[in-house]
C-alpha atoms as a PDB file:
ATOM      1  CA  MET A   1     143.538  88.573  89.843  1.00  0.00           C
ATOM      2  CA  GLY A   2     143.070  91.669  91.987  1.00  0.00           C
ATOM      3  CA  VAL A   3     140.237  92.837  94.158  1.00  0.00           C
ATOM      4  CA  PRO A   4     137.618  94.729  92.123  1.00  0.00           C
ATOM      5  CA  LEU A   5     137.667  98.462  92.704  1.00  0.00           C
ATOM      6  CA  LYS A   6     134.615 100.030  94.256  1.00  0.00           C
ATOM      7  CA  MET A   7     132.744 102.109  91.692  1.00  0.00           C
ATOM      8  CA  THR A   8     132.438 105.803  92.431  1.00  0.00           C
ATOM      9  CA  PHE A   9     129.082 107.520  92.593  1.00  0.00           C
ATOM     10  CA  SER A  10     129.674 109.359  89.305  1.00  0.00           C
ATOM     11  CA  SER A  11     130.817 106.179  87.529  1.00  0.00           C
ATOM     12  CA  ARG A  12     127.588 104.481  88.615  1.00  0.00           C
ATOM     13  CA  LEU A  13     125.557 107.352  87.187  1.00  0.00           C
ATOM     14  CA  ARG A  14     127.522 107.093  83.927  1.00  0.00           C
ATOM     15  CA  ARG A  15     126.845 103.341  83.785  1.00  0.00           C
ATOM     16  CA  LEU A  16     123.096 103.985  84.166  1.00  0.00           C
ATOM     17  CA  ASP A  17     123.266 106.650  81.441  1.00  0.00           C
ATOM     18  CA  ARG A  18     125.063 104.229  79.071  1.00  0.00           C
ATOM     19  CA  TRP A  19     122.376 101.600  79.725  1.00  0.00           C
ATOM     20  CA  VAL A  20     119.607 104.069  78.853  1.00  0.00           C
ATOM     21  CA  ARG A  21     121.440 105.236  75.701  1.00  0.00           C
ATOM     22  CA  HIS A  22     122.085 101.626  74.650  1.00  0.00           C
ATOM     23  CA  THR A  23     118.322 100.897  74.658  1.00  0.00           C
ATOM     24  CA  ARG A  24     117.404 103.802  72.359  1.00  0.00           C
ATOM     25  CA  GLY A  25     115.895 102.559  69.114  1.00  0.00           C
ATOM     26  CA  THR A  26     115.791  98.943  70.315  1.00  0.00           C
ATOM     27  CA  PHE A  27     112.900  96.672  71.141  1.00  0.00           C
ATOM     28  CA  PRO A  28     113.430  93.256  72.761  1.00  0.00           C
ATOM     29  CA  GLN A  29     112.316  90.160  70.892  1.00  0.00           C
ATOM     30  CA  GLN A  30     110.381  87.327  72.479  1.00  0.00           C
ATOM     31  CA  ASP A  31     112.713  84.533  73.559  1.00  0.00           C
ATOM     32  CA  ASN A  32     111.555  80.896  73.254  1.00  0.00           C
ATOM     33  CA  GLY A  33     107.879  81.750  73.761  1.00  0.00           C
ATOM     34  CA  ARG A  34     108.463  83.387  77.158  1.00  0.00           C
ATOM     35  CA  PRO A  35     105.538  85.636  78.135  1.00  0.00           C
ATOM     36  CA  PHE A  36     107.870  88.550  78.983  1.00  0.00           C
ATOM     37  CA  HIS A  37     111.363  90.010  78.613  1.00  0.00           C
ATOM     38  CA  LYS A  38     113.016  91.558  81.674  1.00  0.00           C
ATOM     39  CA  GLU A  39     115.756  94.235  81.800  1.00  0.00           C
ATOM     40  CA  LEU A  40     117.617  95.131  84.982  1.00  0.00           C
ATOM     41  CA  ALA A  41     119.873  98.093  85.602  1.00  0.00           C
ATOM     42  CA  PRO A  42     123.538  97.056  85.299  1.00  0.00           C
ATOM     43  CA  LEU A  43     124.251  98.246  88.804  1.00  0.00           C
ATOM     44  CA  GLU A  44     124.105  97.182  92.423  1.00  0.00           C
ATOM     45  CA  LEU A  45     123.631  99.376  95.473  1.00  0.00           C
ATOM     46  CA  HIS A  46     126.109  99.270  98.323  1.00  0.00           C
ATOM     47  CA  PRO A  47     124.248 100.182 101.532  1.00  0.00           C
ATOM     48  CA  ALA A  48     127.508 101.180 103.246  1.00  0.00           C
ATOM     49  CA  GLU A  49     127.496 104.429 101.257  1.00  0.00           C
ATOM     50  CA  ASP A  50     126.315 107.646 102.879  1.00  0.00           C
ATOM     51  CA  ASP A  51     122.558 108.219 102.883  1.00  0.00           C
ATOM     52  CA  VAL A  52     122.636 111.226 100.553  1.00  0.00           C
ATOM     53  CA  GLN A  53     124.465 109.338  97.786  1.00  0.00           C
ATOM     54  CA  LEU A  54     122.460 106.160  98.392  1.00  0.00           C
ATOM     55  CA  ASN A  55     119.149 108.035  98.025  1.00  0.00           C
ATOM     56  CA  ALA A  56     120.408 109.899  94.939  1.00  0.00           C
ATOM     57  CA  LEU A  57     121.448 106.575  93.410  1.00  0.00           C
ATOM     58  CA  ARG A  58     118.044 105.019  94.217  1.00  0.00           C
ATOM     59  CA  LYS A  59     116.366 107.945  92.451  1.00  0.00           C
ATOM     60  CA  ALA A  60     118.739 107.638  89.445  1.00  0.00           C
ATOM     61  CA  ILE A  61     117.979 103.903  89.171  1.00  0.00           C
ATOM     62  CA  ALA A  62     114.228 104.613  89.207  1.00  0.00           C
ATOM     63  CA  GLN A  63     114.640 107.305  86.528  1.00  0.00           C
ATOM     64  CA  ALA A  64     116.788 105.018  84.367  1.00  0.00           C
ATOM     65  CA  HIS A  65     114.114 102.287  84.425  1.00  0.00           C
ATOM     66  CA  ILE A  66     111.456 104.802  83.387  1.00  0.00           C
ATOM     67  CA  ASN A  67     113.721 106.046  80.570  1.00  0.00           C
ATOM     68  CA  VAL A  68     114.402 102.513  79.297  1.00  0.00           C
ATOM     69  CA  ALA A  69     110.668 101.735  79.313  1.00  0.00           C
ATOM     70  CA  ALA A  70     110.037 104.942  77.322  1.00  0.00           C
ATOM     71  CA  ASN A  71     112.793 103.948  74.865  1.00  0.00           C
ATOM     72  CA  PHE A  72     111.229 100.520  74.335  1.00  0.00           C
ATOM     73  CA  MET A  73     107.777 102.045  73.866  1.00  0.00           C
ATOM     74  CA  ALA A  74     109.140 104.481  71.278  1.00  0.00           C
ATOM     75  CA  ALA A  75     110.857 101.644  69.374  1.00  0.00           C
ATOM     76  CA  ARG A  76     107.947  99.190  69.611  1.00  0.00           C
ATOM     77  CA  PRO A  77     106.956  98.053  66.106  1.00  0.00           C
ATOM     78  CA  ARG A  78     103.492  99.212  65.052  1.00  0.00           C
ATOM     79  CA  GLU A  79     102.294  95.621  64.604  1.00  0.00           C
ATOM     80  CA  ALA A  80     103.535  94.505  68.050  1.00  0.00           C
ATOM     81  CA  ILE A  81     100.913  93.720  70.652  1.00  0.00           C
ATOM     82  CA  ALA A  82     103.538  93.780  73.418  1.00  0.00           C
ATOM     83  CA  LYS A  83     103.077  96.034  76.453  1.00  0.00           C
ATOM     84  CA  VAL A  84     105.925  97.779  78.279  1.00  0.00           C
ATOM     85  CA  ALA A  85     106.287  98.832  81.914  1.00  0.00           C
ATOM     86  CA  ALA A  86     108.988 100.001  84.290  1.00  0.00           C
ATOM     87  CA  ILE A  87     108.470  98.238  87.617  1.00  0.00           C
ATOM     88  CA  VAL A  88     110.116 100.498  90.208  1.00  0.00           C
ATOM     89  CA  CYS A  89     110.527  99.094  93.701  1.00  0.00           C
ATOM     90  CA  TRP A  90     110.816 101.741  96.396  1.00  0.00           C
ATOM     91  CA  PRO A  91     112.934 102.235  98.387  1.00  0.00           C
ATOM     92  CA  SER A  92     114.670  99.055  97.203  1.00  0.00           C
ATOM     93  CA  SER A  93     115.172 100.329  93.659  1.00  0.00           C
ATOM     94  CA  GLU A  94     117.871  97.734  93.007  1.00  0.00           C
ATOM     95  CA  TRP A  95     115.002  95.237  92.574  1.00  0.00           C
ATOM     96  CA  SER A  96     113.429  97.356  89.832  1.00  0.00           C
ATOM     97  CA  GLN A  97     113.085  96.098  86.264  1.00  0.00           C
ATOM     98  CA  VAL A  98     111.674  96.950  82.868  1.00  0.00           C
ATOM     99  CA  CYS A  99     109.297  94.340  81.487  1.00  0.00           C
ATOM    100  CA  VAL A 100     108.109  93.839  77.934  1.00  0.00           C
ATOM    101  CA  PHE A 101     105.004  91.646  78.042  1.00  0.00           C
ATOM    102  CA  PHE A 102     104.411  89.551  74.926  1.00  0.00           C
ATOM    103  CA  ASP A 103     101.393  87.755  76.418  1.00  0.00           C
ATOM    104  CA  LEU A 104      98.480  90.159  76.992  1.00  0.00           C
ATOM    105  CA  ASP A 105      96.762  87.863  79.512  1.00  0.00           C
ATOM    106  CA  TYR A 106      99.964  87.732  81.550  1.00  0.00           C
ATOM    107  CA  PHE A 107     100.226  91.549  81.318  1.00  0.00           C
ATOM    108  CA  ARG A 108      96.641  91.988  82.553  1.00  0.00           C
ATOM    109  CA  SER A 109      97.244  89.674  85.517  1.00  0.00           C
ATOM    110  CA  PHE A 110     100.723  90.982  86.412  1.00  0.00           C
ATOM    111  CA  GLU A 111      99.547  93.636  88.870  1.00  0.00           C
ATOM    112  CA  VAL A 112      97.103  91.290  90.598  1.00  0.00           C
ATOM    113  CA  ARG A 113      99.027  89.965  93.598  1.00  0.00           C
ATOM    114  CA  ASP A 114      96.905  88.575  96.403  1.00  0.00           C
ATOM    115  CA  GLY A 115      98.559  85.393  97.598  1.00  0.00           C
ATOM    116  CA  VAL A 116      99.785  84.009 100.891  1.00  0.00           C
ATOM    117  CA  GLN A 117     103.404  84.994 100.101  1.00  0.00           C
ATOM    118  CA  GLN A 118     102.862  88.270  98.233  1.00  0.00           C
ATOM    119  CA  ARG A 119     100.190  90.955  98.184  1.00  0.00           C
ATOM    120  CA  TRP A 120      99.975  94.269  96.293  1.00  0.00           C
ATOM    121  CA  THR A 121      97.440  96.784  97.620  1.00  0.00           C
ATOM    122  CA  PRO A 122      96.764  99.881  95.496  1.00  0.00           C
ATOM    123  CA  LEU A 123      98.077 103.107  97.006  1.00  0.00           C
ATOM    124  CA  SER A 124      95.978 106.255  97.108  1.00  0.00           C
ATOM    125  CA  ALA A 125      95.537 107.916  93.720  1.00  0.00           C
ATOM    126  CA  ASN A 126      96.838 111.080  95.425  1.00  0.00           C
ATOM    127  CA  ARG A 127     100.278 109.482  95.850  1.00  0.00           C
ATOM    128  CA  SER A 128     102.819 109.825  93.058  1.00  0.00           C
ATOM    129  CA  LEU A 129     106.395 108.591  93.270  1.00  0.00           C
ATOM    130  CA  SER A 130     107.277 110.704  90.245  1.00  0.00           C
ATOM    131  CA  ARG A 131     106.037 113.829  92.037  1.00  0.00           C
ATOM    132  CA  GLU A 132     107.708 112.904  95.323  1.00  0.00           C
ATOM    133  CA  LEU A 133     111.095 112.256  93.700  1.00  0.00           C
ATOM    134  CA  ARG A 134     110.712 114.767  90.854  1.00  0.00           C
ATOM    135  CA  LEU A 135     111.137 112.029  88.244  1.00  0.00           C
ATOM    136  CA  ARG A 136     110.651 112.867  84.583  1.00  0.00           C
ATOM    137  CA  VAL A 137     107.891 110.642  83.221  1.00  0.00           C
ATOM    138  CA  PRO A 138     106.773 110.936  79.588  1.00  0.00           C
ATOM    139  CA  VAL A 139     103.105 111.817  79.361  1.00  0.00           C
ATOM    140  CA  HIS A 140     102.198 108.532  77.628  1.00  0.00           C
ATOM    141  CA  LEU A 141     103.364 106.413  80.597  1.00  0.00           C
ATOM    142  CA  ARG A 142     100.704 105.750  83.231  1.00  0.00           C
ATOM    143  CA  GLU A 143     101.811 105.634  86.881  1.00  0.00           C
ATOM    144  CA  ARG A 144     100.276 103.191  89.371  1.00  0.00           C
ATOM    145  CA  GLY A 145     101.472 102.531  92.914  1.00  0.00           C
ATOM    146  CA  TYR A 146     101.091  99.577  95.264  1.00  0.00           C
ATOM    147  CA  HIS A 147     102.014  98.736  98.824  1.00  0.00           C
ATOM    148  CA  GLU A 148     103.823  95.398  98.641  1.00  0.00           C
ATOM    149  CA  TRP A 149     103.805  92.832 101.409  1.00  0.00           C
ATOM    150  CA  GLN A 150     105.713  89.598 100.891  1.00  0.00           C
ATOM    151  CA  VAL A 151     107.186  86.721 102.806  1.00  0.00           C
ATOM    152  CA  ASP A 152     110.542  85.402 101.658  1.00  0.00           C
ATOM    153  CA  PRO A 153     111.011  81.828 102.913  1.00  0.00           C
ATOM    154  CA  ALA A 154     114.789  82.378 102.792  1.00  0.00           C
ATOM    155  CA  ALA A 155     114.350  85.226 105.317  1.00  0.00           C
ATOM    156  CA  TYR A 156     112.875  82.844 107.923  1.00  0.00           C
ATOM    157  CA  GLY A 157     109.318  83.864 107.102  1.00  0.00           C
ATOM    158  CA  GLU A 158     109.732  87.510 108.149  1.00  0.00           C
ATOM    159  CA  PRO A 159     107.415  89.721 106.067  1.00  0.00           C
ATOM    160  CA  GLN A 160     108.993  92.485 104.011  1.00  0.00           C
ATOM    161  CA  GLU A 161     107.165  95.627 102.969  1.00  0.00           C
ATOM    162  CA  GLY A 162     107.764  98.360 100.435  1.00  0.00           C
ATOM    163  CA  GLU A 163     106.231 100.017  97.434  1.00  0.00           C
ATOM    164  CA  VAL A 164     106.001  98.972  93.799  1.00  0.00           C
ATOM    165  CA  TRP A 165     105.373 101.598  91.149  1.00  0.00           C
ATOM    166  CA  VAL A 166     104.416 100.689  87.594  1.00  0.00           C
ATOM    167  CA  PHE A 167     105.118 103.209  84.816  1.00  0.00           C
ATOM    168  CA  GLY A 168     103.987 102.237  81.327  1.00  0.00           C
ATOM    169  CA  ASP A 169     101.123 100.802  79.323  1.00  0.00           C
END
């Protein structure tokens, strides 16, 4: 078994594009009563890359999550009560995900984070990640931004900060 080849920048973009295309016309089903379904981009960042490509890849990952959320919303059955949102972490877009919430109470409480290990504080309504990065966001997706502060016990209690952007219902 050989060493895996490092993916090129263009092959990573193609992989993201395939993921988005694969989700067209599909809507996830609830699994074993779980309150949500989570989709992650089939891609990892490699910080050793040059900054220009790394930032372009971060932007492409954010756009792909927004596109997958829009695909799920378009394919959502009329009778479904499920809510859909792309959760875009910035600048750590590799932690982003698309969530389909089957439990409305869980959906309503999802953006409320005010604990001792994690806190989300709303960002100014004047801020817009989609404007800053020139992302294409369908008009029916709402954009909300938060400053995230969290403590990861595995990181020896050092707080980590970033932004979380929610695009969707």
